[in-house]
Every structure is written in C-alpha cells, then in structure tokens.
Amino acid sequence: MKQAPIKTEITFEDFAKIDIRVGRIIEVHDVAKSNKLMKLLVDFGDHTRTILAGIKQERDNPKEIEGKQALFVVNLPERKMAGEVSQGMLFDIGYEDKIQPCLACPEVDVPNGARAG
C-alpha cells in the first residue's frame, strides 16, 4: 500500500463536532437498486438507525457483520441513496487505500451508543 499524505490540519473544535458512536449491527439487507450499498439496522442503545454502507462488493458475505459492534458518525444529515435513507455513516478502514476494508470497532464490547473521542 502506498501511504497517502496527511490531510490538511483541522482544529480540535472541528474534530469535536463529529459525533462518533458505537453501534451494534443488528441486520444487514440488500439494497436492490444499488451495486454497492447494503442497508444496516444499527442499535445505538436508546434508538436504532438505518445506515447505508457501500460494502456489497467488499465482502463475500456482507451479512457476516451482523451482531458486530462498529463505529459510526451519527450527526451527518440524512441522505437519500438508491431510494433509501441513510441516517449516518459507517467507519471502515481500508477503502480509501484500496485494500480489503474492515470495520473500525472496539476491542471489547462496550455499551451501544458509547462515544469515541
């Protein structure tokens, strides 16, 4: 892998605006109108959200992530894609560097909804 240059410096205040939380992926469903997107139902402790993630072609079986905890950005505006609404963004590692992506997840179970940062 070729190392990417570090992005432009941001302030701590900029970083503090991003709400990153742990959620447990309860269900993974196909998005029929998309070659990339899967629909994740994610438990954040006090509520669940639907989050679309471009993982369909990244894994032989996208359903293998059901039951796993992962990190999500939860304060992005809702976005409609392929006829579905996404209420956040899955953090994964590798896609931007063109390597096999994997989930960014806690090393031990933590309460769903726990904040990163």
C-alpha atoms as a PDB file:
ATOM      1  CA  MET A   1       0.000   0.000   0.000  1.00  0.00           C
ATOM      2  CA  LYS A   2       1.241   3.466  -0.838  1.00  0.00           C
ATOM      3  CA  GLN A   3       0.901   5.803   2.129  1.00  0.00           C
ATOM      4  CA  ALA A   4      -1.412   8.754   1.474  1.00  0.00           C
ATOM      5  CA  PRO A   5      -0.328  12.238   2.511  1.00  0.00           C
ATOM      6  CA  ILE A   6      -1.782  13.553   5.750  1.00  0.00           C
ATOM      7  CA  LYS A   7      -4.828  15.730   5.175  1.00  0.00           C
ATOM      8  CA  THR A   8      -4.913  19.434   5.980  1.00  0.00           C
ATOM      9  CA  GLU A   9      -4.720  20.168   9.698  1.00  0.00           C
ATOM     10  CA  ILE A  10      -8.002  20.876  11.472  1.00  0.00           C
ATOM     11  CA  THR A  11      -8.675  22.384  14.870  1.00  0.00           C
ATOM     12  CA  PHE A  12      -9.709  20.385  17.905  1.00  0.00           C
ATOM     13  CA  GLU A  13     -13.017  22.258  17.760  1.00  0.00           C
ATOM     14  CA  ASP A  14     -13.569  20.937  14.219  1.00  0.00           C
ATOM     15  CA  PHE A  15     -12.891  17.380  15.377  1.00  0.00           C
ATOM     16  CA  ALA A  16     -15.141  17.806  18.435  1.00  0.00           C
ATOM     17  CA  LYS A  17     -18.109  18.486  16.120  1.00  0.00           C
ATOM     18  CA  ILE A  18     -18.017  14.899  14.805  1.00  0.00           C
ATOM     19  CA  ASP A  19     -20.247  12.582  16.856  1.00  0.00           C
ATOM     20  CA  ILE A  20     -18.737   9.095  16.589  1.00  0.00           C
ATOM     21  CA  ARG A  21     -20.601   6.344  18.429  1.00  0.00           C
ATOM     22  CA  VAL A  22     -20.518   2.601  18.840  1.00  0.00           C
ATOM     23  CA  GLY A  23     -23.471   0.731  17.432  1.00  0.00           C
ATOM     24  CA  ARG A  24     -24.277  -2.959  17.085  1.00  0.00           C
ATOM     25  CA  ILE A  25     -25.229  -4.059  13.571  1.00  0.00           C
ATOM     26  CA  ILE A  26     -28.487  -5.938  14.059  1.00  0.00           C
ATOM     27  CA  GLU A  27     -29.410  -6.698  10.447  1.00  0.00           C
ATOM     28  CA  VAL A  28     -27.838  -6.334   7.012  1.00  0.00           C
ATOM     29  CA  HIS A  29     -30.116  -6.134   3.952  1.00  0.00           C
ATOM     30  CA  ASP A  30     -29.519  -5.801   0.237  1.00  0.00           C
ATOM     31  CA  VAL A  31     -30.381  -2.503  -1.470  1.00  0.00           C
ATOM     32  CA  ALA A  32     -31.859  -3.770  -4.724  1.00  0.00           C
ATOM     33  CA  LYS A  33     -31.298  -0.544  -6.683  1.00  0.00           C
ATOM     34  CA  SER A  34     -27.560  -0.441  -5.915  1.00  0.00           C
ATOM     35  CA  ASN A  35     -24.469  -2.446  -6.845  1.00  0.00           C
ATOM     36  CA  LYS A  36     -22.572  -1.137  -3.785  1.00  0.00           C
ATOM     37  CA  LEU A  37     -24.973  -0.360  -0.947  1.00  0.00           C
ATOM     38  CA  MET A  38     -26.205  -2.554   1.877  1.00  0.00           C
ATOM     39  CA  LYS A  39     -28.740  -1.353   4.442  1.00  0.00           C
ATOM     40  CA  LEU A  40     -27.660  -1.783   8.066  1.00  0.00           C
ATOM     41  CA  LEU A  41     -30.060  -1.648  11.003  1.00  0.00           C
ATOM     42  CA  VAL A  42     -27.913  -0.414  13.890  1.00  0.00           C
ATOM     43  CA  ASP A  43     -28.671  -0.369  17.636  1.00  0.00           C
ATOM     44  CA  PHE A  44     -27.297   2.708  19.428  1.00  0.00           C
ATOM     45  CA  GLY A  45     -28.689   1.788  22.840  1.00  0.00           C
ATOM     46  CA  ASP A  46     -31.508   4.310  23.084  1.00  0.00           C
ATOM     47  CA  HIS A  47     -32.554   4.090  19.416  1.00  0.00           C
ATOM     48  CA  THR A  48     -31.919   2.285  16.149  1.00  0.00           C
ATOM     49  CA  ARG A  49     -30.976   3.788  12.810  1.00  0.00           C
ATOM     50  CA  THR A  50     -30.791   2.732   9.214  1.00  0.00           C
ATOM     51  CA  ILE A  51     -27.333   3.328   7.779  1.00  0.00           C
ATOM     52  CA  LEU A  52     -26.385   2.645   4.189  1.00  0.00           C
ATOM     53  CA  ALA A  53     -22.855   1.409   3.598  1.00  0.00           C
ATOM     54  CA  GLY A  54     -21.030   0.656   0.348  1.00  0.00           C
ATOM     55  CA  ILE A  55     -19.945  -2.815   1.410  1.00  0.00           C
ATOM     56  CA  LYS A  56     -21.793  -5.049  -1.061  1.00  0.00           C
ATOM     57  CA  GLN A  57     -18.758  -5.764  -3.234  1.00  0.00           C
ATOM     58  CA  GLU A  58     -16.198  -5.591  -0.420  1.00  0.00           C
ATOM     59  CA  ARG A  59     -17.209  -8.864   1.212  1.00  0.00           C
ATOM     60  CA  ASP A  60     -18.175 -12.316   0.010  1.00  0.00           C
ATOM     61  CA  ASN A  61     -20.976 -12.290   2.580  1.00  0.00           C
ATOM     62  CA  PRO A  62     -21.942  -8.814   3.840  1.00  0.00           C
ATOM     63  CA  LYS A  63     -24.247 -10.421   6.427  1.00  0.00           C
ATOM     64  CA  GLU A  64     -21.129 -11.658   8.290  1.00  0.00           C
ATOM     65  CA  ILE A  65     -21.019  -8.311  10.136  1.00  0.00           C
ATOM     66  CA  GLU A  66     -24.430  -8.868  11.766  1.00  0.00           C
ATOM     67  CA  GLY A  67     -24.051  -8.854  15.543  1.00  0.00           C
ATOM     68  CA  LYS A  68     -20.766  -6.912  15.489  1.00  0.00           C
ATOM     69  CA  GLN A  69     -20.123  -3.550  17.062  1.00  0.00           C
ATOM     70  CA  ALA A  70     -18.601  -0.810  14.912  1.00  0.00           C
ATOM     71  CA  LEU A  71     -18.014   2.928  14.868  1.00  0.00           C
ATOM     72  CA  PHE A  72     -20.465   5.258  13.111  1.00  0.00           C
ATOM     73  CA  VAL A  73     -20.735   9.004  12.512  1.00  0.00           C
ATOM     74  CA  VAL A  74     -24.237   9.866  13.717  1.00  0.00           C
ATOM     75  CA  ASN A  75     -24.515  13.630  13.259  1.00  0.00           C
ATOM     76  CA  LEU A  76     -24.454  13.830   9.472  1.00  0.00           C
ATOM     77  CA  PRO A  77     -27.653  14.981   7.744  1.00  0.00           C
ATOM     78  CA  GLU A  78     -29.877  12.199   6.434  1.00  0.00           C
ATOM     79  CA  ARG A  79     -29.035  11.289   2.850  1.00  0.00           C
ATOM     80  CA  LYS A  80     -31.172   9.529   0.282  1.00  0.00           C
ATOM     81  CA  MET A  81     -29.359   6.986  -1.887  1.00  0.00           C
ATOM     82  CA  ALA A  82     -30.811   4.374  -4.248  1.00  0.00           C
ATOM     83  CA  GLY A  83     -34.302   5.090  -2.934  1.00  0.00           C
ATOM     84  CA  GLU A  84     -33.303   4.523   0.723  1.00  0.00           C
ATOM     85  CA  VAL A  85     -32.458   6.987   3.514  1.00  0.00           C
ATOM     86  CA  SER A  86     -29.184   6.763   5.443  1.00  0.00           C
ATOM     87  CA  GLN A  87     -29.025   8.203   8.965  1.00  0.00           C
ATOM     88  CA  GLY A  88     -25.264   8.166   9.458  1.00  0.00           C
ATOM     89  CA  MET A  89     -22.026   6.719   8.155  1.00  0.00           C
ATOM     90  CA  LEU A  90     -20.154   3.513   8.912  1.00  0.00           C
ATOM     91  CA  PHE A  91     -16.474   3.970   9.719  1.00  0.00           C
ATOM     92  CA  ASP A  92     -14.373   1.372   7.999  1.00  0.00           C
ATOM     93  CA  ILE A  93     -10.676   1.032   7.385  1.00  0.00           C
ATOM     94  CA  GLY A  94      -9.038   0.357   4.050  1.00  0.00           C
ATOM     95  CA  TYR A  95     -11.446   1.533   1.353  1.00  0.00           C
ATOM     96  CA  GLU A  96      -9.667   4.850   0.717  1.00  0.00           C
ATOM     97  CA  ASP A  97      -6.339   2.993   0.387  1.00  0.00           C
ATOM     98  CA  LYS A  98      -7.757   0.353  -1.963  1.00  0.00           C
ATOM     99  CA  ILE A  99      -7.093  -2.506   0.468  1.00  0.00           C
ATOM    100  CA  GLN A 100      -9.605  -5.021   1.830  1.00  0.00           C
ATOM    101  CA  PRO A 101     -11.853  -2.933   4.119  1.00  0.00           C
ATOM    102  CA  CYS A 102     -12.591  -3.935   7.687  1.00  0.00           C
ATOM    103  CA  LEU A 103     -14.745  -2.483  10.441  1.00  0.00           C
ATOM    104  CA  ALA A 104     -13.407   0.063  12.896  1.00  0.00           C
ATOM    105  CA  CYS A 105     -14.620  -1.464  16.145  1.00  0.00           C
ATOM    106  CA  PRO A 106     -13.935  -1.548  19.893  1.00  0.00           C
ATOM    107  CA  GLU A 107     -11.606  -4.283  21.115  1.00  0.00           C
ATOM    108  CA  VAL A 108     -14.130  -5.330  23.790  1.00  0.00           C
ATOM    109  CA  ASP A 109     -17.914  -4.990  23.967  1.00  0.00           C
ATOM    110  CA  VAL A 110     -18.977  -1.569  25.198  1.00  0.00           C
ATOM    111  CA  PRO A 111     -22.481  -0.161  25.661  1.00  0.00           C
ATOM    112  CA  ASN A 112     -24.144   0.667  22.352  1.00  0.00           C
ATOM    113  CA  GLY A 113     -24.148   4.440  21.953  1.00  0.00           C
ATOM    114  CA  ALA A 114     -20.789   4.935  23.698  1.00  0.00           C
ATOM    115  CA  ARG A 115     -18.941   7.886  22.179  1.00  0.00           C
ATOM    116  CA  ALA A 116     -15.478   7.842  20.642  1.00  0.00           C
ATOM    117  CA  GLY A 117     -13.085  10.723  21.093  1.00  0.00           C
END
